[in-house]
Structures are given as C-alpha cells and as structure tokens.
Amino acid sequence: MKSKSVTQISGLPGQLVGVVPLRTSGTGTIKIVGDTLQGNFTSFFGLEIKEIVIPIQNVQAVEIGEGCTWWLLGLGILTLTIFFIGIIFIVLAFVVKQRYIVIYTSTINLILFGNNNDKLNLFRNEIIEACRPKQSYMPRPSQPAPPPPSLPKRSTIS
C-alpha cells in the first residue's frame, strides 16, 4: 500500500541562531516543483517577502526535530521575580514542544515549524526520494554466450 505523498507544507518560518532553530513571525510554505524546491516566506504584516528556489540536487540534509519553546523559557526567567509566576512559563517551555523541519543546502537553510508530525515526515521522504538519482533503463545489446571451454583429452600411457 503506497502512502500519501506530500509535496507542500506550510507553517511558521524560522532561522538558526547558532545551532538552535527559533521561530520567527510570519508564514512560510515549502514545496517541491519538478526538480526544484521552492520556499515562499512572508514576515509579519508582509513587510518582507522572500521567494527562494533551490535545485533539489543541492539539498544536503533534511532534519526533523522537536524541541523546547525558547520564548516561554525566556519569559519564565524574566518573570521569576514576580510572585514566581515565571515557574509556570518555565515548566510550559519544556512541556509545549515545537516541531520543525530544517532543509540544509550548500548556501541556505530553510526552516519551517509545523504541528503535523506525519506531514513533516512524508514531506521529508518526498525530498529524499526527489534527491535520489533517477535510474534510466538502458537495454544491453544481446550477445551470444561464449562457448564453454573444452577440457583437454587425457592420453593414456601404455
């Protein structure tokens, strides 16, 4: 049974800060179109619009992760002095997980945060499948099989 293919995902864009992916405001879409990977990202209020087209062969790795909600952790640390309300935010930072996909290329990293883990996995599989070299069928010319080697005759000594 073939699974459903996913060639487009949408979510919240992000960027890498060091090795930590952080969400940014706005919306983003990444889709596979032919042999290219297209990303459309719009920042909050449409102040910045990015359209990125990458040949699918330039994809070096695809990462799916799940991690801490960093802005809740920061808010918790800042509000610790106010009747220890910050403890609630710190606990939520580790309970509420963010799921994301990072597509690494030689020049740019595309990051998209989403909630549907199955859809992220299917999209990752589609990217990996599209990156594989296509095998073309080339018929071999038919050649007759070589004759089997003949064994030398034994001579008897009388």
C-alpha atoms as a PDB file:
ATOM      1  CA  MET A   1       0.000   0.000   0.000  1.00  0.00           C
ATOM      2  CA  LYS A   2       1.513   3.280  -1.104  1.00  0.00           C
ATOM      3  CA  SER A   3       1.429   6.124   1.387  1.00  0.00           C
ATOM      4  CA  LYS A   4       0.031   9.514   0.510  1.00  0.00           C
ATOM      5  CA  SER A   5       2.653  11.854  -0.935  1.00  0.00           C
ATOM      6  CA  VAL A   6       3.085  15.365   0.414  1.00  0.00           C
ATOM      7  CA  THR A   7       4.776  17.871  -1.908  1.00  0.00           C
ATOM      8  CA  GLN A   8       3.957  21.036   0.042  1.00  0.00           C
ATOM      9  CA  ILE A   9       3.997  22.054   3.702  1.00  0.00           C
ATOM     10  CA  SER A  10       3.042  25.299   5.403  1.00  0.00           C
ATOM     11  CA  GLY A  11       3.829  26.707   8.809  1.00  0.00           C
ATOM     12  CA  LEU A  12       5.778  29.351  10.654  1.00  0.00           C
ATOM     13  CA  PRO A  13       9.247  30.261   9.342  1.00  0.00           C
ATOM     14  CA  GLY A  14      12.343  30.131  11.486  1.00  0.00           C
ATOM     15  CA  GLN A  15      16.046  30.777  11.486  1.00  0.00           C
ATOM     16  CA  LEU A  16      19.073  29.135  13.033  1.00  0.00           C
ATOM     17  CA  VAL A  17      20.716  31.002  15.900  1.00  0.00           C
ATOM     18  CA  GLY A  18      23.885  29.040  16.454  1.00  0.00           C
ATOM     19  CA  VAL A  19      22.563  25.506  16.291  1.00  0.00           C
ATOM     20  CA  VAL A  20      19.149  26.302  17.792  1.00  0.00           C
ATOM     21  CA  PRO A  21      16.183  26.809  15.430  1.00  0.00           C
ATOM     22  CA  LEU A  22      13.978  29.715  16.559  1.00  0.00           C
ATOM     23  CA  ARG A  23      10.553  30.665  15.238  1.00  0.00           C
ATOM     24  CA  THR A  24      10.086  33.999  13.537  1.00  0.00           C
ATOM     25  CA  SER A  25       6.817  35.753  12.840  1.00  0.00           C
ATOM     26  CA  GLY A  26       5.003  35.355   9.556  1.00  0.00           C
ATOM     27  CA  THR A  27       4.049  32.456   7.332  1.00  0.00           C
ATOM     28  CA  GLY A  28       6.006  30.105   5.153  1.00  0.00           C
ATOM     29  CA  THR A  29       5.479  27.445   2.515  1.00  0.00           C
ATOM     30  CA  ILE A  30       7.974  24.974   1.079  1.00  0.00           C
ATOM     31  CA  LYS A  31       7.025  22.875  -1.931  1.00  0.00           C
ATOM     32  CA  ILE A  32       8.592  20.523  -4.443  1.00  0.00           C
ATOM     33  CA  VAL A  33       8.044  21.647  -8.027  1.00  0.00           C
ATOM     34  CA  GLY A  34       9.667  19.394 -10.597  1.00  0.00           C
ATOM     35  CA  ASP A  35      13.369  19.222  -9.762  1.00  0.00           C
ATOM     36  CA  THR A  36      13.349  22.374  -7.610  1.00  0.00           C
ATOM     37  CA  LEU A  37      12.483  23.193  -4.034  1.00  0.00           C
ATOM     38  CA  GLN A  38      10.548  26.467  -3.711  1.00  0.00           C
ATOM     39  CA  GLY A  39      10.150  28.399  -0.479  1.00  0.00           C
ATOM     40  CA  ASN A  40       7.807  31.370  -0.014  1.00  0.00           C
ATOM     41  CA  PHE A  41       8.136  33.271   3.252  1.00  0.00           C
ATOM     42  CA  THR A  42       6.221  36.362   4.367  1.00  0.00           C
ATOM     43  CA  SER A  43       7.155  38.226   7.529  1.00  0.00           C
ATOM     44  CA  PHE A  44       4.703  39.743   9.995  1.00  0.00           C
ATOM     45  CA  PHE A  45       2.445  42.340   8.300  1.00  0.00           C
ATOM     46  CA  GLY A  46       4.035  41.477   4.933  1.00  0.00           C
ATOM     47  CA  LEU A  47       6.997  43.793   5.490  1.00  0.00           C
ATOM     48  CA  GLU A  48       9.394  41.282   3.989  1.00  0.00           C
ATOM     49  CA  ILE A  49       8.640  38.683   1.340  1.00  0.00           C
ATOM     50  CA  LYS A  50      11.169  36.034   0.304  1.00  0.00           C
ATOM     51  CA  GLU A  51      10.891  33.615  -2.570  1.00  0.00           C
ATOM     52  CA  ILE A  52      13.630  31.008  -2.708  1.00  0.00           C
ATOM     53  CA  VAL A  53      14.193  28.454  -5.489  1.00  0.00           C
ATOM     54  CA  ILE A  54      16.801  25.745  -4.972  1.00  0.00           C
ATOM     55  CA  PRO A  55      17.678  22.857  -7.307  1.00  0.00           C
ATOM     56  CA  ILE A  56      16.683  19.675  -5.483  1.00  0.00           C
ATOM     57  CA  GLN A  57      20.154  18.209  -6.117  1.00  0.00           C
ATOM     58  CA  ASN A  58      21.654  20.910  -3.836  1.00  0.00           C
ATOM     59  CA  VAL A  59      19.849  19.554  -0.771  1.00  0.00           C
ATOM     60  CA  GLN A  60      22.487  18.085   1.527  1.00  0.00           C
ATOM     61  CA  ALA A  61      20.395  17.008   4.521  1.00  0.00           C
ATOM     62  CA  VAL A  62      16.875  17.152   5.919  1.00  0.00           C
ATOM     63  CA  GLU A  63      16.324  17.325   9.672  1.00  0.00           C
ATOM     64  CA  ILE A  64      13.097  16.937  11.605  1.00  0.00           C
ATOM     65  CA  GLY A  65      13.254  17.925  15.241  1.00  0.00           C
ATOM     66  CA  GLU A  66      11.212  18.672  18.281  1.00  0.00           C
ATOM     67  CA  GLY A  67      12.383  20.998  20.997  1.00  0.00           C
ATOM     68  CA  CYS A  68      11.786  23.411  23.801  1.00  0.00           C
ATOM     69  CA  THR A  69       9.699  26.550  23.298  1.00  0.00           C
ATOM     70  CA  TRP A  70      12.502  29.051  23.830  1.00  0.00           C
ATOM     71  CA  TRP A  71      10.405  32.203  24.110  1.00  0.00           C
ATOM     72  CA  LEU A  72       8.437  30.651  27.000  1.00  0.00           C
ATOM     73  CA  LEU A  73      11.698  29.822  28.747  1.00  0.00           C
ATOM     74  CA  GLY A  74      12.931  33.403  28.329  1.00  0.00           C
ATOM     75  CA  LEU A  75       9.634  34.805  29.563  1.00  0.00           C
ATOM     76  CA  GLY A  76       9.786  32.479  32.556  1.00  0.00           C
ATOM     77  CA  ILE A  77      13.267  33.616  33.523  1.00  0.00           C
ATOM     78  CA  LEU A  78      12.255  37.280  33.208  1.00  0.00           C
ATOM     79  CA  THR A  79       9.130  36.861  35.361  1.00  0.00           C
ATOM     80  CA  LEU A  80      10.638  34.733  38.136  1.00  0.00           C
ATOM     81  CA  THR A  81      10.772  37.761  40.427  1.00  0.00           C
ATOM     82  CA  ILE A  82       7.028  38.466  40.063  1.00  0.00           C
ATOM     83  CA  PHE A  83       5.496  36.071  42.614  1.00  0.00           C
ATOM     84  CA  PHE A  84       7.301  33.157  40.961  1.00  0.00           C
ATOM     85  CA  ILE A  85       4.896  33.245  38.009  1.00  0.00           C
ATOM     86  CA  GLY A  86       7.928  32.505  35.884  1.00  0.00           C
ATOM     87  CA  ILE A  87       7.965  28.917  37.117  1.00  0.00           C
ATOM     88  CA  ILE A  88       4.741  28.286  35.203  1.00  0.00           C
ATOM     89  CA  PHE A  89       6.319  29.606  31.989  1.00  0.00           C
ATOM     90  CA  ILE A  90       9.493  27.581  32.540  1.00  0.00           C
ATOM     91  CA  VAL A  91       7.503  24.365  33.018  1.00  0.00           C
ATOM     92  CA  LEU A  92       5.416  25.152  29.924  1.00  0.00           C
ATOM     93  CA  ALA A  93       8.608  25.750  27.917  1.00  0.00           C
ATOM     94  CA  PHE A  94       9.579  22.121  28.422  1.00  0.00           C
ATOM     95  CA  VAL A  95       6.071  20.662  28.121  1.00  0.00           C
ATOM     96  CA  VAL A  96       4.909  22.503  24.976  1.00  0.00           C
ATOM     97  CA  LYS A  97       7.129  21.152  22.190  1.00  0.00           C
ATOM     98  CA  GLN A  98       7.793  22.717  18.799  1.00  0.00           C
ATOM     99  CA  ARG A  99       8.153  20.511  15.722  1.00  0.00           C
ATOM    100  CA  TYR A 100      10.251  21.743  12.836  1.00  0.00           C
ATOM    101  CA  ILE A 101      11.904  20.729   9.601  1.00  0.00           C
ATOM    102  CA  VAL A 102      15.286  22.092   8.512  1.00  0.00           C
ATOM    103  CA  ILE A 103      16.464  21.631   4.926  1.00  0.00           C
ATOM    104  CA  TYR A 104      20.213  22.146   4.631  1.00  0.00           C
ATOM    105  CA  THR A 105      21.774  23.184   1.327  1.00  0.00           C
ATOM    106  CA  SER A 106      25.237  24.460   0.496  1.00  0.00           C
ATOM    107  CA  THR A 107      24.073  28.091   0.557  1.00  0.00           C
ATOM    108  CA  ILE A 108      20.935  28.420   2.706  1.00  0.00           C
ATOM    109  CA  ASN A 109      18.944  26.614   5.372  1.00  0.00           C
ATOM    110  CA  LEU A 110      15.149  26.519   5.094  1.00  0.00           C
ATOM    111  CA  ILE A 111      13.339  26.170   8.427  1.00  0.00           C
ATOM    112  CA  LEU A 112       9.621  25.675   8.905  1.00  0.00           C
ATOM    113  CA  PHE A 113       7.763  25.000  12.154  1.00  0.00           C
ATOM    114  CA  GLY A 114       4.648  22.856  11.953  1.00  0.00           C
ATOM    115  CA  ASN A 115       2.362  20.811  14.176  1.00  0.00           C
ATOM    116  CA  ASN A 116       1.606  17.804  11.978  1.00  0.00           C
ATOM    117  CA  ASN A 117       4.481  15.374  12.524  1.00  0.00           C
ATOM    118  CA  ASP A 118       3.160  12.853   9.968  1.00  0.00           C
ATOM    119  CA  LYS A 119       3.022  15.507   7.258  1.00  0.00           C
ATOM    120  CA  LEU A 120       6.593  16.616   8.060  1.00  0.00           C
ATOM    121  CA  ASN A 121       7.797  13.002   7.813  1.00  0.00           C
ATOM    122  CA  LEU A 122       6.022  12.448   4.484  1.00  0.00           C
ATOM    123  CA  PHE A 123       7.466  15.689   3.089  1.00  0.00           C
ATOM    124  CA  ARG A 124      10.971  14.685   4.213  1.00  0.00           C
ATOM    125  CA  ASN A 125      10.561  11.340   2.444  1.00  0.00           C
ATOM    126  CA  GLU A 126       9.449  13.117  -0.743  1.00  0.00           C
ATOM    127  CA  ILE A 127      12.553  15.348  -0.661  1.00  0.00           C
ATOM    128  CA  ILE A 128      14.835  12.359  -0.140  1.00  0.00           C
ATOM    129  CA  GLU A 129      13.117  10.487  -2.973  1.00  0.00           C
ATOM    130  CA  ALA A 130      13.429  13.504  -5.295  1.00  0.00           C
ATOM    131  CA  CYS A 131      17.146  13.842  -4.471  1.00  0.00           C
ATOM    132  CA  ARG A 132      17.948  10.282  -5.489  1.00  0.00           C
ATOM    133  CA  PRO A 133      19.375   9.957  -8.975  1.00  0.00           C
ATOM    134  CA  LYS A 134      16.866   8.615 -11.437  1.00  0.00           C
ATOM    135  CA  GLN A 135      17.815   5.257 -12.900  1.00  0.00           C
ATOM    136  CA  SER A 136      17.376   5.183 -16.610  1.00  0.00           C
ATOM    137  CA  TYR A 137      16.789   1.865 -18.309  1.00  0.00           C
ATOM    138  CA  MET A 138      19.399   1.081 -20.924  1.00  0.00           C
ATOM    139  CA  PRO A 139      18.911  -2.230 -22.695  1.00  0.00           C
ATOM    140  CA  ARG A 140      22.066  -4.242 -23.091  1.00  0.00           C
ATOM    141  CA  PRO A 141      22.933  -5.400 -26.567  1.00  0.00           C
ATOM    142  CA  SER A 142      22.293  -9.090 -26.812  1.00  0.00           C
ATOM    143  CA  GLN A 143      25.469 -11.047 -27.348  1.00  0.00           C
ATOM    144  CA  PRO A 144      25.642 -14.768 -27.740  1.00  0.00           C
ATOM    145  CA  ALA A 145      27.065 -16.582 -24.766  1.00  0.00           C
ATOM    146  CA  PRO A 146      30.650 -17.712 -25.256  1.00  0.00           C
ATOM    147  CA  PRO A 147      31.087 -21.445 -25.795  1.00  0.00           C
ATOM    148  CA  PRO A 148      32.117 -23.395 -22.719  1.00  0.00           C
ATOM    149  CA  PRO A 149      35.806 -24.155 -22.529  1.00  0.00           C
ATOM    150  CA  SER A 150      36.700 -27.627 -23.697  1.00  0.00           C
ATOM    151  CA  LEU A 151      38.746 -29.883 -21.484  1.00  0.00           C
ATOM    152  CA  PRO A 152      41.930 -31.368 -22.901  1.00  0.00           C
ATOM    153  CA  LYS A 153      41.688 -35.053 -23.713  1.00  0.00           C
ATOM    154  CA  ARG A 154      43.520 -37.408 -21.430  1.00  0.00           C
ATOM    155  CA  SER A 155      46.095 -39.516 -23.031  1.00  0.00           C
ATOM    156  CA  THR A 156      46.760 -42.943 -21.699  1.00  0.00           C
ATOM    157  CA  ILE A 157      50.304 -44.228 -21.367  1.00  0.00           C
ATOM    158  CA  SER A 158      50.759 -47.867 -22.271  1.00  0.00           C
END
